[in-house]
Protein backbone atom coordinates (compact mmCIF):
# COMPACT_ATOMS: atom_id res chain seq x y z
CA MET A 1 106.83 117.01 33.67
CA ARG A 2 107.52 115.44 37.07
CA ASP A 3 106.27 112.06 35.86
CA ILE A 4 108.49 111.90 32.87
CA ALA A 5 111.56 113.82 34.30
CA ASP A 6 113.70 110.64 34.75
CA GLY A 7 112.96 109.53 31.12
CA LEU A 8 113.88 113.00 29.80
CA ALA A 9 117.08 112.95 31.91
CA ALA A 10 118.06 109.61 30.35
CA TRP A 11 117.53 111.09 26.83
CA ARG A 12 119.73 113.89 27.85
CA VAL A 13 122.49 111.58 28.94
CA ALA A 14 122.15 109.64 25.67
CA GLY A 15 122.32 112.79 23.57
CA VAL A 16 118.82 112.23 22.20
CA ALA A 17 116.93 115.33 20.99
CA PHE A 18 113.33 115.77 22.01
CA ALA A 19 110.38 118.03 22.45
CA VAL A 20 108.09 118.39 25.31
CA ALA A 21 104.25 119.15 24.80
CA THR A 22 102.53 120.67 27.85
CA VAL A 23 98.79 121.49 28.41
CA VAL A 24 98.72 125.22 29.22
CA ARG A 25 95.03 126.01 29.21
CA THR A 26 91.80 123.94 29.19
CA TRP A 27 88.07 124.69 28.47
CA ARG A 28 85.12 122.53 29.51
CA SER A 29 85.56 118.82 29.97
CA ALA A 30 89.21 118.44 29.05
CA PRO A 31 90.84 115.19 30.11
CA ARG A 32 94.00 116.49 31.48
CA GLN A 33 94.75 119.59 33.49
CA PRO A 34 97.36 122.43 32.88
CA GLY A 35 100.83 120.96 33.43
CA ALA A 36 100.17 117.63 31.86
CA THR A 37 103.15 116.73 29.57
CA MET A 38 104.07 114.38 26.73
CA ALA A 39 107.47 114.25 25.29
CA VAL A 40 108.63 112.75 21.88
CA SER A 41 112.21 111.94 21.06
CA ALA A 42 113.89 112.33 17.72
CA ASP A 43 113.74 108.61 17.16
CA GLY A 44 109.99 108.48 17.97
CA GLU A 45 109.82 107.35 21.54
CA VAL A 46 106.85 108.77 23.53
CA LEU A 47 106.63 109.58 27.26
CA GLY A 48 103.54 110.80 29.05
CA SER A 49 100.25 112.12 27.78
CA VAL A 50 98.35 115.33 27.26
CA SER A 51 94.94 113.90 26.64
CA GLY A 52 92.87 110.68 27.00
CA GLY A 53 94.32 109.79 23.68
CA CYS A 54 92.21 112.11 21.62
CA VAL A 55 94.97 114.39 20.31
CA GLU A 56 98.09 112.56 20.88
CA GLY A 57 98.64 111.83 17.22
CA ALA A 58 98.57 115.41 16.30
CA VAL A 59 100.81 116.50 19.16
CA TYR A 60 103.34 113.71 18.22
CA GLU A 61 103.67 115.20 14.82
CA LEU A 62 103.87 118.77 16.24
CA CYS A 63 106.68 117.58 18.57
CA LEU A 64 108.63 116.06 15.65
CA GLU A 65 108.28 119.38 13.75
CA SER A 66 109.52 121.36 16.81
CA ILE A 67 112.65 119.13 17.07
CA GLU A 68 113.31 119.77 13.38
CA THR A 69 112.89 123.63 13.56
CA GLY A 70 114.23 124.17 17.06
CA LYS A 71 111.17 126.48 17.69
CA ALA A 72 108.29 126.42 20.18
CA ARG A 73 104.84 126.04 18.99
CA THR A 74 101.32 126.47 20.51
CA GLU A 75 98.15 124.86 19.15
CA ILE A 76 94.54 124.57 20.37
CA TYR A 77 92.67 121.26 19.88
CA GLY A 78 88.99 120.78 20.49
CA VAL A 79 85.62 119.94 18.90
CA SER A 80 85.14 123.44 17.66
CA ASP A 81 88.08 123.36 15.37
CA ASP A 82 87.70 122.89 11.58
CA ASP A 83 89.50 119.49 11.88
CA ALA A 84 87.51 118.31 14.85
CA LEU A 85 86.89 114.99 13.28
CA GLY A 86 90.71 114.47 12.83
CA VAL A 87 92.04 115.67 16.10
CA GLY A 88 89.19 117.04 18.20
CA LEU A 89 88.45 116.08 21.75
CA THR A 90 85.58 113.68 21.62
CA CYS A 91 84.95 114.41 25.27
CA GLY A 92 83.70 117.93 24.23
CA GLY A 93 86.70 119.81 25.72
CA THR A 94 89.33 122.05 24.36
CA ILE A 95 92.99 122.19 25.22
CA GLU A 96 95.88 124.47 24.36
CA VAL A 97 99.10 122.84 24.09
CA ARG A 98 102.58 124.37 23.96
CA VAL A 99 105.49 122.45 22.40
CA GLN A 100 109.13 123.24 23.29
CA PRO A 101 112.20 121.52 21.89
CA ASP A 102 114.91 120.68 24.38
CA VAL A 103 117.28 123.27 22.82
CA ALA A 104 114.79 125.98 23.81
CA MET A 105 114.48 124.91 27.45
CA THR A 106 116.61 127.10 29.86
CA GLU A 107 118.81 125.26 32.34
CA LEU A 108 117.09 122.01 31.46
CA ASP A 109 119.42 119.55 33.14
CA GLU A 110 119.26 121.66 36.38
CA VAL A 111 115.45 121.75 36.15
CA LEU A 112 115.22 118.04 35.71
CA ALA A 113 117.65 117.44 38.63
CA ALA A 114 115.52 119.62 40.93
CA ILE A 115 112.35 117.87 39.93
CA SER A 116 113.89 114.44 40.47
CA GLY A 117 115.37 115.55 43.73
CA GLY A 118 112.20 117.00 45.07
CA ARG A 119 113.45 120.58 45.13
CA PRO A 120 111.15 123.49 44.34
CA VAL A 121 111.52 124.99 40.82
CA ALA A 122 109.30 126.84 38.40
CA THR A 123 109.50 127.69 34.65
CA ALA A 124 107.93 130.73 32.97
CA SER A 125 107.67 130.47 29.15
CA ALA A 126 106.49 132.87 26.54
CA GLY A 127 107.26 132.32 22.83
CA ASP A 128 110.64 130.80 22.42
CA ALA A 129 111.94 132.33 25.65
CA GLN A 130 112.03 130.88 29.05
CA LEU A 131 112.78 131.94 32.67
CA VAL A 132 113.61 129.37 35.39
CA ILE A 133 112.96 130.49 38.91
CA TRP A 134 114.37 128.72 42.07
CA PRO A 135 113.61 130.10 45.64
CA ASP A 136 117.00 131.90 45.60
CA ARG A 137 117.80 132.77 41.92
CA VAL A 138 116.51 133.16 38.42
CA ALA A 139 118.01 132.06 35.09
CA GLY A 140 117.18 132.94 31.51
CA SER A 141 115.36 135.90 29.91
CA LEU A 142 112.02 136.74 28.17
CA GLY A 143 113.79 139.46 26.23
CA ASP A 144 113.19 142.50 28.48
CA PRO A 145 114.56 143.13 31.82
CA ASP A 146 111.34 144.66 33.24
CA LEU A 147 109.31 141.83 31.82
CA ASP A 148 111.90 139.42 33.44
CA ARG A 149 111.52 140.92 36.94
CA ALA A 150 107.65 140.94 36.76
CA ALA A 151 107.57 137.30 35.50
CA ALA A 152 109.97 136.32 38.14
CA ARG A 153 107.77 137.87 40.80
CA GLN A 154 104.64 136.17 39.47
CA ALA A 155 106.39 132.74 39.16
CA ALA A 156 107.98 132.99 42.68
CA GLY A 157 104.46 133.58 44.11
CA MET A 158 103.04 130.55 42.19
CA LEU A 159 106.00 128.51 43.11
CA ALA A 160 105.30 129.24 46.81
CA LEU A 161 101.74 127.99 46.38
CA GLY A 162 102.59 125.12 44.14
CA THR A 163 100.28 126.42 41.44
CA THR A 164 100.57 126.15 37.44
CA GLY A 165 98.76 128.23 35.05
CA THR A 166 98.78 131.16 32.56
CA VAL A 167 99.23 134.76 33.65
CA HIS A 168 99.19 137.87 31.46
CA LEU A 169 101.49 140.84 31.62
CA GLY A 170 102.27 143.86 29.52
CA ALA A 171 105.28 143.77 27.12
CA HIS A 172 107.48 145.43 29.82
CA GLY A 173 105.94 143.58 32.79
CA GLU A 174 103.04 145.93 33.44
CA GLN A 175 100.11 144.51 35.52
CA ARG A 176 96.63 144.54 34.21
CA ARG A 177 97.75 144.29 30.57
CA ASP A 178 97.74 141.10 28.40
CA GLU A 179 100.36 141.65 25.72
CA VAL A 180 102.29 138.68 26.89
CA SER A 181 100.81 135.26 27.83
CA LEU A 182 103.08 133.68 30.28
CA PHE A 183 102.83 130.04 31.19
CA VAL A 184 104.14 129.27 34.62
CA GLN A 185 104.71 125.61 35.76
CA SER A 186 105.69 124.87 39.34
CA TYR A 187 107.34 121.95 40.61
CA VAL A 188 107.24 121.47 44.42
CA PRO A 189 108.10 118.35 46.45
CA PRO A 190 105.36 115.75 46.24
CA PRO A 191 102.64 115.85 48.97
CA ARG A 192 103.03 113.66 52.02
CA MET A 193 100.90 110.66 53.03
CA ILE A 194 101.73 109.49 56.60
CA VAL A 195 100.20 106.15 57.32
CA PHE A 196 100.15 105.01 61.12
CA GLY A 197 99.91 101.44 62.18
CA ALA A 198 102.16 98.78 60.56
CA ILE A 199 99.47 96.43 59.56
CA ASP A 200 98.57 94.69 56.29
CA TYR A 201 96.04 97.47 55.48
CA ALA A 202 98.91 100.04 55.93
CA ALA A 203 101.04 98.17 53.41
CA ALA A 204 98.20 98.31 50.75
CA VAL A 205 97.60 102.11 51.46
CA ALA A 206 101.28 102.80 51.27
CA ARG A 207 101.38 101.07 47.70
CA ILE A 208 98.37 103.09 46.42
CA GLY A 209 99.61 106.24 48.05
CA ARG A 210 103.00 105.93 46.14
CA PHE A 211 101.12 105.09 42.97
CA LEU A 212 99.15 108.37 43.39
CA GLY A 213 102.40 110.42 43.76
CA TYR A 214 102.67 110.83 47.41
CA HIS A 215 105.89 110.64 49.55
CA VAL A 216 104.78 107.88 51.83
CA THR A 217 105.80 107.52 55.52
CA VAL A 218 104.83 104.46 57.63
CA CYS A 219 105.09 105.02 61.42
CA ASP A 220 104.55 102.48 64.19
CA ALA A 221 106.02 102.27 67.65
CA ARG A 222 106.70 98.45 67.23
CA PRO A 223 110.02 97.75 65.44
CA VAL A 224 109.06 94.13 64.78
CA PHE A 225 106.19 95.24 62.45
CA ALA A 226 107.75 98.36 60.94
CA THR A 227 110.22 96.62 58.63
CA ARG A 228 111.35 97.45 55.11
CA LYS A 229 110.40 93.81 54.12
CA ARG A 230 106.81 94.36 55.09
CA PHE A 231 106.58 97.87 53.54
CA PRO A 232 108.79 97.86 50.40
CA ASP A 233 106.61 100.76 48.93
CA ALA A 234 107.07 103.26 51.77
CA ASP A 235 109.56 106.11 51.17
CA ASP A 236 110.29 106.35 54.93
CA LEU A 237 109.75 103.89 57.90
CA VAL A 238 109.54 105.51 61.31
CA VAL A 239 109.73 103.52 64.59
CA GLN A 240 108.38 105.95 67.20
CA TRP A 241 105.18 106.59 69.14
CA PRO A 242 102.77 107.98 66.44
CA HIS A 243 101.70 111.11 68.31
CA ARG A 244 105.27 112.05 69.12
CA TYR A 245 106.34 111.52 65.52
CA LEU A 246 103.59 113.67 64.26
CA GLU A 247 104.48 116.55 66.68
CA SER A 248 107.96 116.53 65.28
CA THR A 249 107.43 116.30 61.65
CA ALA A 250 106.33 118.72 58.84
CA VAL A 251 102.67 118.70 58.04
CA ASP A 252 101.10 121.20 55.57
CA GLU A 253 97.81 121.71 53.58
CA ARG A 254 98.78 119.04 51.20
CA THR A 255 99.55 116.32 53.75
CA VAL A 256 97.30 113.26 54.12
CA LEU A 257 97.04 111.39 57.42
CA CYS A 258 95.82 107.72 57.61
CA VAL A 259 95.32 106.47 61.15
CA LEU A 260 95.16 102.63 60.86
CA THR A 261 96.50 101.85 64.38
CA HIS A 262 93.11 100.75 65.53
CA ASP A 263 94.09 100.99 69.34
CA PRO A 264 92.83 103.73 71.57
CA LYS A 265 96.32 104.01 73.28
CA PHE A 266 97.67 105.07 69.91
CA ASP A 267 94.68 106.51 68.26
CA VAL A 268 93.44 109.19 70.82
CA PRO A 269 96.80 110.93 71.49
CA LEU A 270 97.62 110.78 67.78
CA LEU A 271 94.34 112.27 66.65
CA GLU A 272 94.61 115.02 69.26
CA VAL A 273 97.80 116.09 67.45
CA ALA A 274 96.46 115.31 64.05
CA LEU A 275 93.33 117.49 64.39
CA ARG A 276 95.53 120.45 65.28
CA THR A 277 97.46 120.20 62.11
CA PRO A 278 96.64 121.86 58.70
CA ALA A 279 96.51 118.39 57.00
CA CYS A 280 94.02 118.23 54.14
CA TYR A 281 92.73 114.86 55.04
CA ILE A 282 92.69 112.93 58.37
CA GLY A 283 91.00 109.48 58.26
CA ALA A 284 90.93 106.82 60.95
CA MET A 285 90.09 103.12 60.56
CA GLY A 286 87.51 101.38 62.75
CA SER A 287 83.98 100.11 63.12
CA ARG A 288 81.06 102.48 63.94
CA ARG A 289 81.22 101.28 67.51
CA THR A 290 85.14 102.11 67.62
CA HIS A 291 84.32 105.48 66.00
CA SER A 292 81.85 106.44 68.66
CA ASP A 293 84.09 105.33 71.31
CA ARG A 294 86.97 107.24 69.81
CA LEU A 295 84.82 110.49 69.62
CA ARG A 296 83.91 110.19 73.34
CA ARG A 297 87.58 109.86 74.30
CA LEU A 298 88.55 112.75 72.21
CA ARG A 299 85.77 114.93 73.57
CA GLU A 300 86.95 114.04 77.11
CA ALA A 301 90.48 115.07 76.02
CA GLY A 302 89.10 118.51 75.07
CA VAL A 303 88.85 118.26 71.30
CA ASP A 304 86.05 120.66 70.08
CA GLU A 305 83.29 119.77 67.59
CA ALA A 306 84.82 121.89 64.76
CA ALA A 307 87.95 119.66 64.92
CA LEU A 308 86.17 116.64 65.20
CA ALA A 309 84.16 117.45 62.14
CA ARG A 310 87.44 117.20 60.08
CA LEU A 311 87.86 113.49 60.99
CA SER A 312 86.89 110.92 58.24
CA SER A 313 85.88 107.86 60.28
CA PRO A 314 85.27 105.18 59.53
CA ILE A 315 87.90 105.80 56.85
CA GLY A 316 87.19 105.33 53.09
CA LEU A 317 84.27 105.41 50.76
CA ASP A 318 81.51 102.71 50.90
CA LEU A 319 82.78 100.38 48.13
CA GLY A 320 81.96 97.14 49.99
CA ALA A 321 85.66 96.66 50.45
CA ARG A 322 86.98 93.52 52.35
CA THR A 323 90.60 92.95 51.59
CA PRO A 324 93.45 95.17 52.44
CA GLU A 325 93.82 96.14 48.75
CA GLU A 326 90.07 96.88 48.41
CA THR A 327 90.18 98.96 51.47
CA ALA A 328 93.22 100.94 50.21
CA VAL A 329 91.13 101.65 47.07
CA ALA A 330 88.14 102.93 49.15
CA ILE A 331 90.58 105.18 51.21
CA ALA A 332 92.24 106.48 48.00
CA ALA A 333 88.81 107.20 46.55
CA GLU A 334 87.86 109.28 49.48
CA ILE A 335 91.11 111.25 49.42
CA ILE A 336 90.77 112.02 45.69
CA SER A 337 87.07 112.96 46.12
CA ARG A 338 87.99 115.44 49.00
CA SER A 339 90.82 116.88 46.88
CA TRP A 340 88.65 117.60 43.83
CA GLY A 341 85.23 117.96 45.22
CA GLY A 342 83.82 114.77 43.95
CA THR A 343 80.56 113.25 45.14
CA GLY A 344 81.88 109.70 45.49
CA ARG A 345 78.74 108.53 43.58
CA PRO A 346 78.66 106.65 40.20
CA LEU A 347 78.93 109.13 37.20
CA THR A 348 76.08 107.16 35.60
CA GLY A 349 73.02 109.27 36.48
CA LEU A 350 74.90 112.48 37.46
CA LYS A 351 74.41 115.54 35.31
CA SER A 352 77.30 117.45 36.64
CA PRO A 353 80.49 118.01 34.59
CA ILE A 354 82.99 115.00 34.88
CA HIS A 355 86.01 117.24 35.33
CA ARG A 356 85.43 119.97 37.86
CA GLY A 357 87.60 123.22 37.82
């Protein structure tokens, strides 16, 4: 719901009723993952998507029905359904979609505000009931105090990990029972992309990073280059020696680091710090000769081979890129490939599933 939160908030301010459809489970080659959302207003406006267009028409009608009744609904769509020709997923997958009207969504305004403000919050839904879980409190009820406590514990753990999915509990919260299917959706602050080096390539990487949903920071020690005019798409601009900034800022397992400084006096101390962080991706720009020289300097600085193996350099996939924009696409493609286990090869000729996991 993160990508449509601002639109939903605008509908709330305008007093427009709506329903939100969410993918809660998928099988086989489904086009969207659990958590993908689509909303329909009472006057027929649509936000978001739950598939590649295969079932949107059916979900649209389900949302209008939910607005009318004020009740939540769950439906499964896929090629195995009797009405596969009408609403089945032509890609061969199956999705389970849950539709909730706004009147059935607990603390909705606060949830939307938390999502838009980058503050962690989770929702746990079953039937027409919903819990909302913040790190420090819980609102709503699933109808049973013991179930509420068990659901809140499950959701708090998933929120801490930033995961979304379906869990099964007993009617009174018992573990290892499946009387209640509970869909937990976690909203955590967007992952960070930190781009080092205020060059034209960095501006293009910042642009595509923001498009992909990252909170983008551009860092350079030279104030004449690190300006808002040159980097309008960056969320943050930092004028500081790159390695010192990286030592002082938060980096977690979702953080992406793109080192585009292309200068040993910046690169080597920066990469020494970067390779000690838990960042999921660390890429550095440069030719193969630059890369070899960089590795030599890092080894001389005491960086071991296991750490060096984490470095993606030269940065990006081999797309034949030339311009800053093309290079940014190549870098983004490598980041996506690393995140989801893709091969980086053309899908034509591959026999593996298109959507993994």
